[in-house]
Amino acid sequence: MAEIPEFEQDEQALTEEETKVDKPGMFRVLLHNDDFTTMEFVVFVLNHVFKRTAAESVTIMLKVHNEGVGVAGLYPYEIARMKADKAMNLARAREFPFLCTVEEE
């Protein structure tokens, strides 16, 4: 009797398992108001770190100023954390106590 080649014996080795990949969760980067960080600096951060337009930056900055907190953007976790850290590093370099936090949407 002829021997069956190994690749023909196990058909399931050729089928792929279905893998469900979930979309990564999104996270908000929140800017918090304080009594020392200037409005101009907050607008600068929104323009340069979060790539907001001048009008969007002013609107978000005023929300932070008037309500105590504002959303700079919505990103996957790693990007949100990186942008929050970059904004706070810029603030520290200018001796502002500016605070950015990241929270799940």
PDB file of N, CA and C in Angstrom:
ATOM      1  N   MET A   1       0.823  -1.172   0.000  1.00  0.00           N
ATOM      2  CA  MET A   1       0.000   0.000   0.000  1.00  0.00           C
ATOM      3  C   MET A   1       0.874   1.246   0.000  1.00  0.00           C
ATOM      4  N   ALA A   2       0.467   2.215  -0.812  1.00  0.00           N
ATOM      5  CA  ALA A   2       1.245   3.445  -0.916  1.00  0.00           C
ATOM      6  C   ALA A   2       0.997   4.316   0.316  1.00  0.00           C
ATOM      7  N   GLU A   3       2.035   4.961   0.765  1.00  0.00           N
ATOM      8  CA  GLU A   3       1.928   5.839   1.935  1.00  0.00           C
ATOM      9  C   GLU A   3       1.377   7.199   1.495  1.00  0.00           C
ATOM     10  N   ILE A   4       0.430   7.748   2.276  1.00  0.00           N
ATOM     11  CA  ILE A   4      -0.176   9.054   1.963  1.00  0.00           C
ATOM     12  C   ILE A   4       0.784  10.132   2.455  1.00  0.00           C
ATOM     13  N   PRO A   5       1.110  11.104   1.577  1.00  0.00           N
ATOM     14  CA  PRO A   5       2.003  12.180   2.015  1.00  0.00           C
ATOM     15  C   PRO A   5       1.415  12.902   3.231  1.00  0.00           C
ATOM     16  N   GLU A   6       2.305  13.356   4.089  1.00  0.00           N
ATOM     17  CA  GLU A   6       1.906  13.986   5.345  1.00  0.00           C
ATOM     18  C   GLU A   6       1.001  15.196   5.137  1.00  0.00           C
ATOM     19  N   PHE A   7       1.262  16.012   4.102  1.00  0.00           N
ATOM     20  CA  PHE A   7       0.455  17.217   3.891  1.00  0.00           C
ATOM     21  C   PHE A   7      -0.970  16.904   3.513  1.00  0.00           C
ATOM     22  N   GLU A   8      -1.257  15.693   2.997  1.00  0.00           N
ATOM     23  CA  GLU A   8      -2.621  15.324   2.644  1.00  0.00           C
ATOM     24  C   GLU A   8      -3.355  14.706   3.816  1.00  0.00           C
ATOM     25  N   GLN A   9      -2.658  14.296   4.848  1.00  0.00           N
ATOM     26  CA  GLN A   9      -3.295  13.632   5.976  1.00  0.00           C
ATOM     27  C   GLN A   9      -4.038  14.617   6.875  1.00  0.00           C
ATOM     28  N   ASP A  10      -3.573  15.816   6.975  1.00  0.00           N
ATOM     29  CA  ASP A  10      -4.153  16.762   7.915  1.00  0.00           C
ATOM     30  C   ASP A  10      -4.622  18.011   7.181  1.00  0.00           C
ATOM     31  N   GLU A  11      -5.867  17.978   6.708  1.00  0.00           N
ATOM     32  CA  GLU A  11      -6.407  19.116   5.974  1.00  0.00           C
ATOM     33  C   GLU A  11      -6.564  20.349   6.855  1.00  0.00           C
ATOM     34  N   GLN A  12      -6.815  20.135   8.130  1.00  0.00           N
ATOM     35  CA  GLN A  12      -7.036  21.274   9.008  1.00  0.00           C
ATOM     36  C   GLN A  12      -5.796  22.120   9.192  1.00  0.00           C
ATOM     37  N   ALA A  13      -4.654  21.584   8.925  1.00  0.00           N
ATOM     38  CA  ALA A  13      -3.440  22.375   9.028  1.00  0.00           C
ATOM     39  C   ALA A  13      -3.427  23.487   7.985  1.00  0.00           C
ATOM     40  N   LEU A  14      -4.197  23.316   6.928  1.00  0.00           N
ATOM     41  CA  LEU A  14      -4.237  24.308   5.864  1.00  0.00           C
ATOM     42  C   LEU A  14      -5.303  25.384   6.088  1.00  0.00           C
ATOM     43  N   THR A  15      -6.250  25.125   6.985  1.00  0.00           N
ATOM     44  CA  THR A  15      -7.284  26.135   7.226  1.00  0.00           C
ATOM     45  C   THR A  15      -6.817  27.100   8.295  1.00  0.00           C
ATOM     46  N   GLU A  16      -7.247  28.358   8.146  1.00  0.00           N
ATOM     47  CA  GLU A  16      -6.869  29.369   9.121  1.00  0.00           C
ATOM     48  C   GLU A  16      -7.969  29.513  10.162  1.00  0.00           C
ATOM     49  N   GLU A  17      -7.546  29.698  11.390  1.00  0.00           N
ATOM     50  CA  GLU A  17      -8.516  29.950  12.444  1.00  0.00           C
ATOM     51  C   GLU A  17      -8.992  31.393  12.328  1.00  0.00           C
ATOM     52  N   GLU A  18     -10.266  31.582  12.607  1.00  0.00           N
ATOM     53  CA  GLU A  18     -10.776  32.949  12.614  1.00  0.00           C
ATOM     54  C   GLU A  18     -10.294  33.628  13.888  1.00  0.00           C
ATOM     55  N   THR A  19      -9.693  34.768  13.717  1.00  0.00           N
ATOM     56  CA  THR A  19      -9.217  35.527  14.859  1.00  0.00           C
ATOM     57  C   THR A  19      -9.942  36.855  14.869  1.00  0.00           C
ATOM     58  N   LYS A  20     -10.609  37.115  15.970  1.00  0.00           N
ATOM     59  CA  LYS A  20     -11.314  38.388  16.095  1.00  0.00           C
ATOM     60  C   LYS A  20     -10.378  39.384  16.767  1.00  0.00           C
ATOM     61  N   VAL A  21     -10.137  40.492  16.101  1.00  0.00           N
ATOM     62  CA  VAL A  21      -9.275  41.534  16.632  1.00  0.00           C
ATOM     63  C   VAL A  21     -10.148  42.716  17.016  1.00  0.00           C
ATOM     64  N   ASP A  22     -10.106  43.064  18.294  1.00  0.00           N
ATOM     65  CA  ASP A  22     -10.889  44.206  18.763  1.00  0.00           C
ATOM     66  C   ASP A  22     -10.159  45.491  18.431  1.00  0.00           C
ATOM     67  N   LYS A  23     -10.953  46.514  18.136  1.00  0.00           N
ATOM     68  CA  LYS A  23     -10.364  47.839  17.928  1.00  0.00           C
ATOM     69  C   LYS A  23      -9.796  48.318  19.259  1.00  0.00           C
ATOM     70  N   PRO A  24      -8.678  49.023  19.219  1.00  0.00           N
ATOM     71  CA  PRO A  24      -8.147  49.538  20.481  1.00  0.00           C
ATOM     72  C   PRO A  24      -9.094  50.583  21.063  1.00  0.00           C
ATOM     73  N   GLY A  25      -9.171  50.611  22.377  1.00  0.00           N
ATOM     74  CA  GLY A  25     -10.010  51.606  23.037  1.00  0.00           C
ATOM     75  C   GLY A  25      -9.459  53.003  22.795  1.00  0.00           C
ATOM     76  N   MET A  26     -10.331  53.972  22.843  1.00  0.00           N
ATOM     77  CA  MET A  26      -9.913  55.356  22.651  1.00  0.00           C
ATOM     78  C   MET A  26      -9.849  56.047  24.009  1.00  0.00           C
ATOM     79  N   PHE A  27      -8.932  57.016  24.093  1.00  0.00           N
ATOM     80  CA  PHE A  27      -8.685  57.713  25.344  1.00  0.00           C
ATOM     81  C   PHE A  27      -8.691  59.219  25.119  1.00  0.00           C
ATOM     82  N   ARG A  28      -9.289  59.932  26.069  1.00  0.00           N
ATOM     83  CA  ARG A  28      -9.325  61.392  26.029  1.00  0.00           C
ATOM     84  C   ARG A  28      -8.079  61.953  26.701  1.00  0.00           C
ATOM     85  N   VAL A  29      -7.533  63.000  26.113  1.00  0.00           N
ATOM     86  CA  VAL A  29      -6.479  63.755  26.786  1.00  0.00           C
ATOM     87  C   VAL A  29      -7.158  65.006  27.346  1.00  0.00           C
ATOM     88  N   LEU A  30      -7.124  65.126  28.666  1.00  0.00           N
ATOM     89  CA  LEU A  30      -7.777  66.240  29.341  1.00  0.00           C
ATOM     90  C   LEU A  30      -6.746  67.266  29.786  1.00  0.00           C
ATOM     91  N   LEU A  31      -7.062  68.524  29.569  1.00  0.00           N
ATOM     92  CA  LEU A  31      -6.234  69.630  30.035  1.00  0.00           C
ATOM     93  C   LEU A  31      -6.927  70.220  31.257  1.00  0.00           C
ATOM     94  N   HIS A  32      -6.157  70.448  32.326  1.00  0.00           N
ATOM     95  CA  HIS A  32      -6.725  70.953  33.578  1.00  0.00           C
ATOM     96  C   HIS A  32      -6.278  72.391  33.830  1.00  0.00           C
ATOM     97  N   ASN A  33      -7.199  73.169  34.341  1.00  0.00           N
ATOM     98  CA  ASN A  33      -6.923  74.573  34.643  1.00  0.00           C
ATOM     99  C   ASN A  33      -6.075  74.699  35.903  1.00  0.00           C
ATOM    100  N   ASP A  34      -5.234  75.709  35.930  1.00  0.00           N
ATOM    101  CA  ASP A  34      -4.504  76.083  37.138  1.00  0.00           C
ATOM    102  C   ASP A  34      -4.361  77.602  37.138  1.00  0.00           C
ATOM    103  N   ASP A  35      -3.845  78.141  38.206  1.00  0.00           N
ATOM    104  CA  ASP A  35      -3.765  79.601  38.334  1.00  0.00           C
ATOM    105  C   ASP A  35      -2.483  80.205  37.771  1.00  0.00           C
ATOM    106  N   PHE A  36      -1.591  79.381  37.215  1.00  0.00           N
ATOM    107  CA  PHE A  36      -0.286  79.892  36.797  1.00  0.00           C
ATOM    108  C   PHE A  36       0.019  79.733  35.305  1.00  0.00           C
ATOM    109  N   THR A  37      -0.453  78.660  34.690  1.00  0.00           N
ATOM    110  CA  THR A  37      -0.184  78.434  33.271  1.00  0.00           C
ATOM    111  C   THR A  37      -0.947  79.472  32.455  1.00  0.00           C
ATOM    112  N   THR A  38      -0.249  80.116  31.537  1.00  0.00           N
ATOM    113  CA  THR A  38      -0.889  81.186  30.757  1.00  0.00           C
ATOM    114  C   THR A  38      -1.814  80.618  29.683  1.00  0.00           C
ATOM    115  N   MET A  39      -2.792  81.422  29.320  1.00  0.00           N
ATOM    116  CA  MET A  39      -3.719  81.039  28.247  1.00  0.00           C
ATOM    117  C   MET A  39      -2.955  80.883  26.934  1.00  0.00           C
ATOM    118  N   GLU A  40      -1.984  81.740  26.715  1.00  0.00           N
ATOM    119  CA  GLU A  40      -1.189  81.676  25.486  1.00  0.00           C
ATOM    120  C   GLU A  40      -0.439  80.346  25.377  1.00  0.00           C
ATOM    121  N   PHE A  41       0.077  79.866  26.513  1.00  0.00           N
ATOM    122  CA  PHE A  41       0.789  78.594  26.493  1.00  0.00           C
ATOM    123  C   PHE A  41      -0.163  77.442  26.173  1.00  0.00           C
ATOM    124  N   VAL A  42      -1.357  77.472  26.742  1.00  0.00           N
ATOM    125  CA  VAL A  42      -2.344  76.412  26.472  1.00  0.00           C
ATOM    126  C   VAL A  42      -2.696  76.401  24.988  1.00  0.00           C
ATOM    127  N   VAL A  43      -2.884  77.568  24.390  1.00  0.00           N
ATOM    128  CA  VAL A  43      -3.164  77.650  22.953  1.00  0.00           C
ATOM    129  C   VAL A  43      -1.976  77.100  22.161  1.00  0.00           C
ATOM    130  N   PHE A  44      -0.765  77.453  22.563  1.00  0.00           N
ATOM    131  CA  PHE A  44       0.449  76.942  21.913  1.00  0.00           C
ATOM    132  C   PHE A  44       0.484  75.411  21.942  1.00  0.00           C
ATOM    133  N   VAL A  45       0.215  74.826  23.096  1.00  0.00           N
ATOM    134  CA  VAL A  45       0.219  73.357  23.245  1.00  0.00           C
ATOM    135  C   VAL A  45      -0.843  72.728  22.346  1.00  0.00           C
ATOM    136  N   LEU A  46      -2.019  73.316  22.333  1.00  0.00           N
ATOM    137  CA  LEU A  46      -3.094  72.769  21.497  1.00  0.00           C
ATOM    138  C   LEU A  46      -2.731  72.840  20.016  1.00  0.00           C
ATOM    139  N   ASN A  47      -2.066  73.913  19.594  1.00  0.00           N
ATOM    140  CA  ASN A  47      -1.619  74.045  18.199  1.00  0.00           C
ATOM    141  C   ASN A  47      -0.520  73.052  17.860  1.00  0.00           C
ATOM    142  N   HIS A  48       0.512  73.014  18.670  1.00  0.00           N
ATOM    143  CA  HIS A  48       1.724  72.281  18.311  1.00  0.00           C
ATOM    144  C   HIS A  48       1.728  70.820  18.702  1.00  0.00           C
ATOM    145  N   VAL A  49       1.126  70.473  19.814  1.00  0.00           N
ATOM    146  CA  VAL A  49       1.125  69.075  20.246  1.00  0.00           C
ATOM    147  C   VAL A  49      -0.107  68.345  19.718  1.00  0.00           C
ATOM    148  N   PHE A  50      -1.257  69.002  19.809  1.00  0.00           N
ATOM    149  CA  PHE A  50      -2.511  68.345  19.444  1.00  0.00           C
ATOM    150  C   PHE A  50      -2.999  68.705  18.040  1.00  0.00           C
ATOM    151  N   LYS A  51      -2.218  69.533  17.322  1.00  0.00           N
ATOM    152  CA  LYS A  51      -2.498  69.900  15.927  1.00  0.00           C
ATOM    153  C   LYS A  51      -3.894  70.487  15.727  1.00  0.00           C
ATOM    154  N   ARG A  52      -4.322  71.319  16.672  1.00  0.00           N
ATOM    155  CA  ARG A  52      -5.605  72.006  16.563  1.00  0.00           C
ATOM    156  C   ARG A  52      -5.421  73.318  15.811  1.00  0.00           C
ATOM    157  N   THR A  53      -6.481  73.753  15.146  1.00  0.00           N
ATOM    158  CA  THR A  53      -6.430  75.046  14.467  1.00  0.00           C
ATOM    159  C   THR A  53      -6.416  76.152  15.527  1.00  0.00           C
ATOM    160  N   ALA A  54      -6.127  77.365  15.095  1.00  0.00           N
ATOM    161  CA  ALA A  54      -6.105  78.498  16.022  1.00  0.00           C
ATOM    162  C   ALA A  54      -7.473  78.671  16.686  1.00  0.00           C
ATOM    163  N   ALA A  55      -8.536  78.593  15.902  1.00  0.00           N
ATOM    164  CA  ALA A  55      -9.890  78.766  16.445  1.00  0.00           C
ATOM    165  C   ALA A  55     -10.241  77.647  17.428  1.00  0.00           C
ATOM    166  N   GLU A  56      -9.933  76.397  17.068  1.00  0.00           N
ATOM    167  CA  GLU A  56     -10.193  75.273  17.982  1.00  0.00           C
ATOM    168  C   GLU A  56      -9.394  75.429  19.271  1.00  0.00           C
ATOM    169  N   SER A  57      -8.153  75.852  19.144  1.00  0.00           N
ATOM    170  CA  SER A  57      -7.282  76.004  20.310  1.00  0.00           C
ATOM    171  C   SER A  57      -7.837  77.027  21.285  1.00  0.00           C
ATOM    172  N   VAL A  58      -8.294  78.150  20.767  1.00  0.00           N
ATOM    173  CA  VAL A  58      -8.854  79.195  21.631  1.00  0.00           C
ATOM    174  C   VAL A  58     -10.139  78.693  22.291  1.00  0.00           C
ATOM    175  N   THR A  59     -10.984  78.011  21.545  1.00  0.00           N
ATOM    176  CA  THR A  59     -12.240  77.479  22.095  1.00  0.00           C
ATOM    177  C   THR A  59     -11.970  76.490  23.226  1.00  0.00           C
ATOM    178  N   ILE A  60     -11.033  75.563  23.012  1.00  0.00           N
ATOM    179  CA  ILE A  60     -10.694  74.567  24.043  1.00  0.00           C
ATOM    180  C   ILE A  60     -10.058  75.256  25.248  1.00  0.00           C
ATOM    181  N   MET A  61      -9.160  76.207  24.998  1.00  0.00           N
ATOM    182  CA  MET A  61      -8.500  76.931  26.089  1.00  0.00           C
ATOM    183  C   MET A  61      -9.536  77.654  26.948  1.00  0.00           C
ATOM    184  N   LEU A  62     -10.528  78.290  26.322  1.00  0.00           N
ATOM    185  CA  LEU A  62     -11.563  78.988  27.084  1.00  0.00           C
ATOM    186  C   LEU A  62     -12.414  78.021  27.893  1.00  0.00           C
ATOM    187  N   LYS A  63     -12.664  76.847  27.344  1.00  0.00           N
ATOM    188  CA  LYS A  63     -13.398  75.815  28.091  1.00  0.00           C
ATOM    189  C   LYS A  63     -12.597  75.397  29.331  1.00  0.00           C
ATOM    190  N   VAL A  64     -11.296  75.197  29.157  1.00  0.00           N
ATOM    191  CA  VAL A  64     -10.433  74.842  30.286  1.00  0.00           C
ATOM    192  C   VAL A  64     -10.460  75.965  31.322  1.00  0.00           C
ATOM    193  N   HIS A  65     -10.341  77.184  30.860  1.00  0.00           N
ATOM    194  CA  HIS A  65     -10.309  78.349  31.754  1.00  0.00           C
ATOM    195  C   HIS A  65     -11.622  78.512  32.522  1.00  0.00           C
ATOM    196  N   ASN A  66     -12.742  78.376  31.821  1.00  0.00           N
ATOM    197  CA  ASN A  66     -14.055  78.627  32.430  1.00  0.00           C
ATOM    198  C   ASN A  66     -14.631  77.444  33.198  1.00  0.00           C
ATOM    199  N   GLU A  67     -14.351  76.222  32.731  1.00  0.00           N
ATOM    200  CA  GLU A  67     -14.967  75.040  33.332  1.00  0.00           C
ATOM    201  C   GLU A  67     -13.983  74.176  34.124  1.00  0.00           C
ATOM    202  N   GLY A  68     -12.696  74.492  34.024  1.00  0.00           N
ATOM    203  CA  GLY A  68     -11.712  73.749  34.799  1.00  0.00           C
ATOM    204  C   GLY A  68     -11.051  72.603  34.075  1.00  0.00           C
ATOM    205  N   VAL A  69     -11.663  72.130  33.007  1.00  0.00           N
ATOM    206  CA  VAL A  69     -11.091  71.015  32.237  1.00  0.00           C
ATOM    207  C   VAL A  69     -11.637  71.060  30.808  1.00  0.00           C
ATOM    208  N   GLY A  70     -10.814  70.607  29.865  1.00  0.00           N
ATOM    209  CA  GLY A  70     -11.234  70.543  28.464  1.00  0.00           C
ATOM    210  C   GLY A  70     -10.556  69.371  27.777  1.00  0.00           C
ATOM    211  N   VAL A  71     -11.182  68.878  26.729  1.00  0.00           N
ATOM    212  CA  VAL A  71     -10.658  67.730  25.982  1.00  0.00           C
ATOM    213  C   VAL A  71      -9.796  68.225  24.829  1.00  0.00           C
ATOM    214  N   ALA A  72      -8.525  67.839  24.853  1.00  0.00           N
ATOM    215  CA  ALA A  72      -7.601  68.226  23.785  1.00  0.00           C
ATOM    216  C   ALA A  72      -7.746  67.312  22.579  1.00  0.00           C
ATOM    217  N   GLY A  73      -8.094  66.051  22.814  1.00  0.00           N
ATOM    218  CA  GLY A  73      -8.236  65.113  21.710  1.00  0.00           C
ATOM    219  C   GLY A  73      -8.570  63.721  22.182  1.00  0.00           C
ATOM    220  N   LEU A  74      -8.861  62.851  21.219  1.00  0.00           N
ATOM    221  CA  LEU A  74      -9.250  61.469  21.455  1.00  0.00           C
ATOM    222  C   LEU A  74      -8.332  60.582  20.628  1.00  0.00           C
ATOM    223  N   TYR A  75      -7.595  59.680  21.290  1.00  0.00           N
ATOM    224  CA  TYR A  75      -6.553  58.899  20.626  1.00  0.00           C
ATOM    225  C   TYR A  75      -6.475  57.492  21.211  1.00  0.00           C
ATOM    226  N   PRO A  76      -5.824  56.570  20.484  1.00  0.00           N
ATOM    227  CA  PRO A  76      -5.478  55.282  21.104  1.00  0.00           C
ATOM    228  C   PRO A  76      -4.543  55.567  22.294  1.00  0.00           C
ATOM    229  N   TYR A  77      -4.482  54.643  23.253  1.00  0.00           N
ATOM    230  CA  TYR A  77      -3.791  54.898  24.516  1.00  0.00           C
ATOM    231  C   TYR A  77      -2.358  55.397  24.350  1.00  0.00           C
ATOM    232  N   GLU A  78      -1.553  54.718  23.547  1.00  0.00           N
ATOM    233  CA  GLU A  78      -0.134  55.082  23.436  1.00  0.00           C
ATOM    234  C   GLU A  78       0.043  56.503  22.910  1.00  0.00           C
ATOM    235  N   ILE A  79      -0.772  56.876  21.938  1.00  0.00           N
ATOM    236  CA  ILE A  79      -0.689  58.225  21.364  1.00  0.00           C
ATOM    237  C   ILE A  79      -1.175  59.259  22.376  1.00  0.00           C
ATOM    238  N   ALA A  80      -2.271  58.953  23.072  1.00  0.00           N
ATOM    239  CA  ALA A  80      -2.786  59.868  24.091  1.00  0.00           C
ATOM    240  C   ALA A  80      -1.746  60.101  25.178  1.00  0.00           C
ATOM    241  N   ARG A  81      -1.123  59.043  25.654  1.00  0.00           N
ATOM    242  CA  ARG A  81      -0.101  59.155  26.708  1.00  0.00           C
ATOM    243  C   ARG A  81       1.099  59.966  26.219  1.00  0.00           C
ATOM    244  N   MET A  82       1.520  59.712  24.970  1.00  0.00           N
ATOM    245  CA  MET A  82       2.666  60.425  24.404  1.00  0.00           C
ATOM    246  C   MET A  82       2.375  61.926  24.298  1.00  0.00           C
ATOM    247  N   LYS A  83       1.184  62.286  23.811  1.00  0.00           N
ATOM    248  CA  LYS A  83       0.839  63.693  23.655  1.00  0.00           C
ATOM    249  C   LYS A  83       0.700  64.381  25.016  1.00  0.00           C
ATOM    250  N   ALA A  84       0.106  63.710  25.989  1.00  0.00           N
ATOM    251  CA  ALA A  84      -0.023  64.289  27.335  1.00  0.00           C
ATOM    252  C   ALA A  84       1.361  64.514  27.938  1.00  0.00           C
ATOM    253  N   ASP A  85       2.237  63.532  27.799  1.00  0.00           N
ATOM    254  CA  ASP A  85       3.600  63.667  28.335  1.00  0.00           C
ATOM    255  C   ASP A  85       4.365  64.793  27.646  1.00  0.00           C
ATOM    256  N   LYS A  86       4.214  64.901  26.325  1.00  0.00           N
ATOM    257  CA  LYS A  86       4.905  65.956  25.587  1.00  0.00           C
ATOM    258  C   LYS A  86       4.424  67.334  26.042  1.00  0.00           C
ATOM    259  N   ALA A  87       3.118  67.479  26.218  1.00  0.00           N
ATOM    260  CA  ALA A  87       2.562  68.762  26.663  1.00  0.00           C
ATOM    261  C   ALA A  87       3.080  69.114  28.053  1.00  0.00           C
ATOM    262  N   MET A  88       3.111  68.144  28.962  1.00  0.00           N
ATOM    263  CA  MET A  88       3.584  68.432  30.322  1.00  0.00           C
ATOM    264  C   MET A  88       5.087  68.693  30.354  1.00  0.00           C
ATOM    265  N   ASN A  89       5.849  68.036  29.484  1.00  0.00           N
ATOM    266  CA  ASN A  89       7.293  68.320  29.412  1.00  0.00           C
ATOM    267  C   ASN A  89       7.556  69.738  28.920  1.00  0.00           C
ATOM    268  N   LEU A  90       6.779  70.182  27.924  1.00  0.00           N
ATOM    269  CA  LEU A  90       6.894  71.565  27.459  1.00  0.00           C
ATOM    270  C   LEU A  90       6.566  72.540  28.595  1.00  0.00           C
ATOM    271  N   ALA A  91       5.542  72.209  29.372  1.00  0.00           N
ATOM    272  CA  ALA A  91       5.145  73.071  30.491  1.00  0.00           C
ATOM    273  C   ALA A  91       6.228  73.123  31.564  1.00  0.00           C
ATOM    274  N   ARG A  92       6.792  71.970  31.888  1.00  0.00           N
ATOM    275  CA  ARG A  92       7.856  71.933  32.903  1.00  0.00           C
ATOM    276  C   ARG A  92       9.064  72.753  32.469  1.00  0.00           C
ATOM    277  N   ALA A  93       9.389  72.687  31.177  1.00  0.00           N
ATOM    278  CA  ALA A  93      10.526  73.446  30.652  1.00  0.00           C
ATOM    279  C   ALA A  93      10.301  74.953  30.816  1.00  0.00           C
ATOM    280  N   ARG A  94       9.037  75.359  30.849  1.00  0.00           N
ATOM    281  CA  ARG A  94       8.693  76.778  31.025  1.00  0.00           C
ATOM    282  C   ARG A  94       8.240  77.084  32.458  1.00  0.00           C
ATOM    283  N   GLU A  95       8.403  76.098  33.336  1.00  0.00           N
ATOM    284  CA  GLU A  95       8.067  76.207  34.759  1.00  0.00           C
ATOM    285  C   GLU A  95       6.584  76.481  35.017  1.00  0.00           C
ATOM    286  N   PHE A  96       5.707  75.863  34.202  1.00  0.00           N
ATOM    287  CA  PHE A  96       4.273  75.924  34.434  1.00  0.00           C
ATOM    288  C   PHE A  96       3.836  74.612  35.093  1.00  0.00           C
ATOM    289  N   PRO A  97       2.865  74.666  36.012  1.00  0.00           N
ATOM    290  CA  PRO A  97       2.371  73.450  36.641  1.00  0.00           C
ATOM    291  C   PRO A  97       1.245  72.783  35.849  1.00  0.00           C
ATOM    292  N   PHE A  98       1.228  72.966  34.561  1.00  0.00           N
ATOM    293  CA  PHE A  98       0.198  72.473  33.645  1.00  0.00           C
ATOM    294  C   PHE A  98       0.012  70.966  33.815  1.00  0.00           C
ATOM    295  N   LEU A  99      -1.254  70.524  33.855  1.00  0.00           N
ATOM    296  CA  LEU A  99      -1.553  69.117  34.033  1.00  0.00           C
ATOM    297  C   LEU A  99      -2.424  68.595  32.891  1.00  0.00           C
ATOM    298  N   CYS A 100      -1.971  67.481  32.302  1.00  0.00           N
ATOM    299  CA  CYS A 100      -2.748  66.740  31.302  1.00  0.00           C
ATOM    300  C   CYS A 100      -2.965  65.349  31.865  1.00  0.00           C
ATOM    301  N   THR A 101      -4.178  64.848  31.746  1.00  0.00           N
ATOM    302  CA  THR A 101      -4.444  63.481  32.160  1.00  0.00           C
ATOM    303  C   THR A 101      -5.066  62.727  30.994  1.00  0.00           C
ATOM    304  N   VAL A 102      -5.032  61.405  31.087  1.00  0.00           N
ATOM    305  CA  VAL A 102      -5.587  60.533  30.058  1.00  0.00           C
ATOM    306  C   VAL A 102      -6.657  59.673  30.718  1.00  0.00           C
ATOM    307  N   GLU A 103      -7.824  59.631  30.097  1.00  0.00           N
ATOM    308  CA  GLU A 103      -8.891  58.771  30.637  1.00  0.00           C
ATOM    309  C   GLU A 103      -9.567  58.025  29.499  1.00  0.00           C
ATOM    310  N   GLU A 104     -10.051  56.833  29.809  1.00  0.00           N
ATOM    311  CA  GLU A 104     -10.724  56.023  28.793  1.00  0.00           C
ATOM    312  C   GLU A 104     -12.043  56.651  28.428  1.00  0.00           C
ATOM    313  N   GLU A 105     -12.378  56.562  27.144  1.00  0.00           N
ATOM    314  CA  GLU A 105     -13.639  57.145  26.660  1.00  0.00           C
ATOM    315  C   GLU A 105     -14.821  56.355  27.183  1.00  0.00           C
TER     316      GLU A 105
END
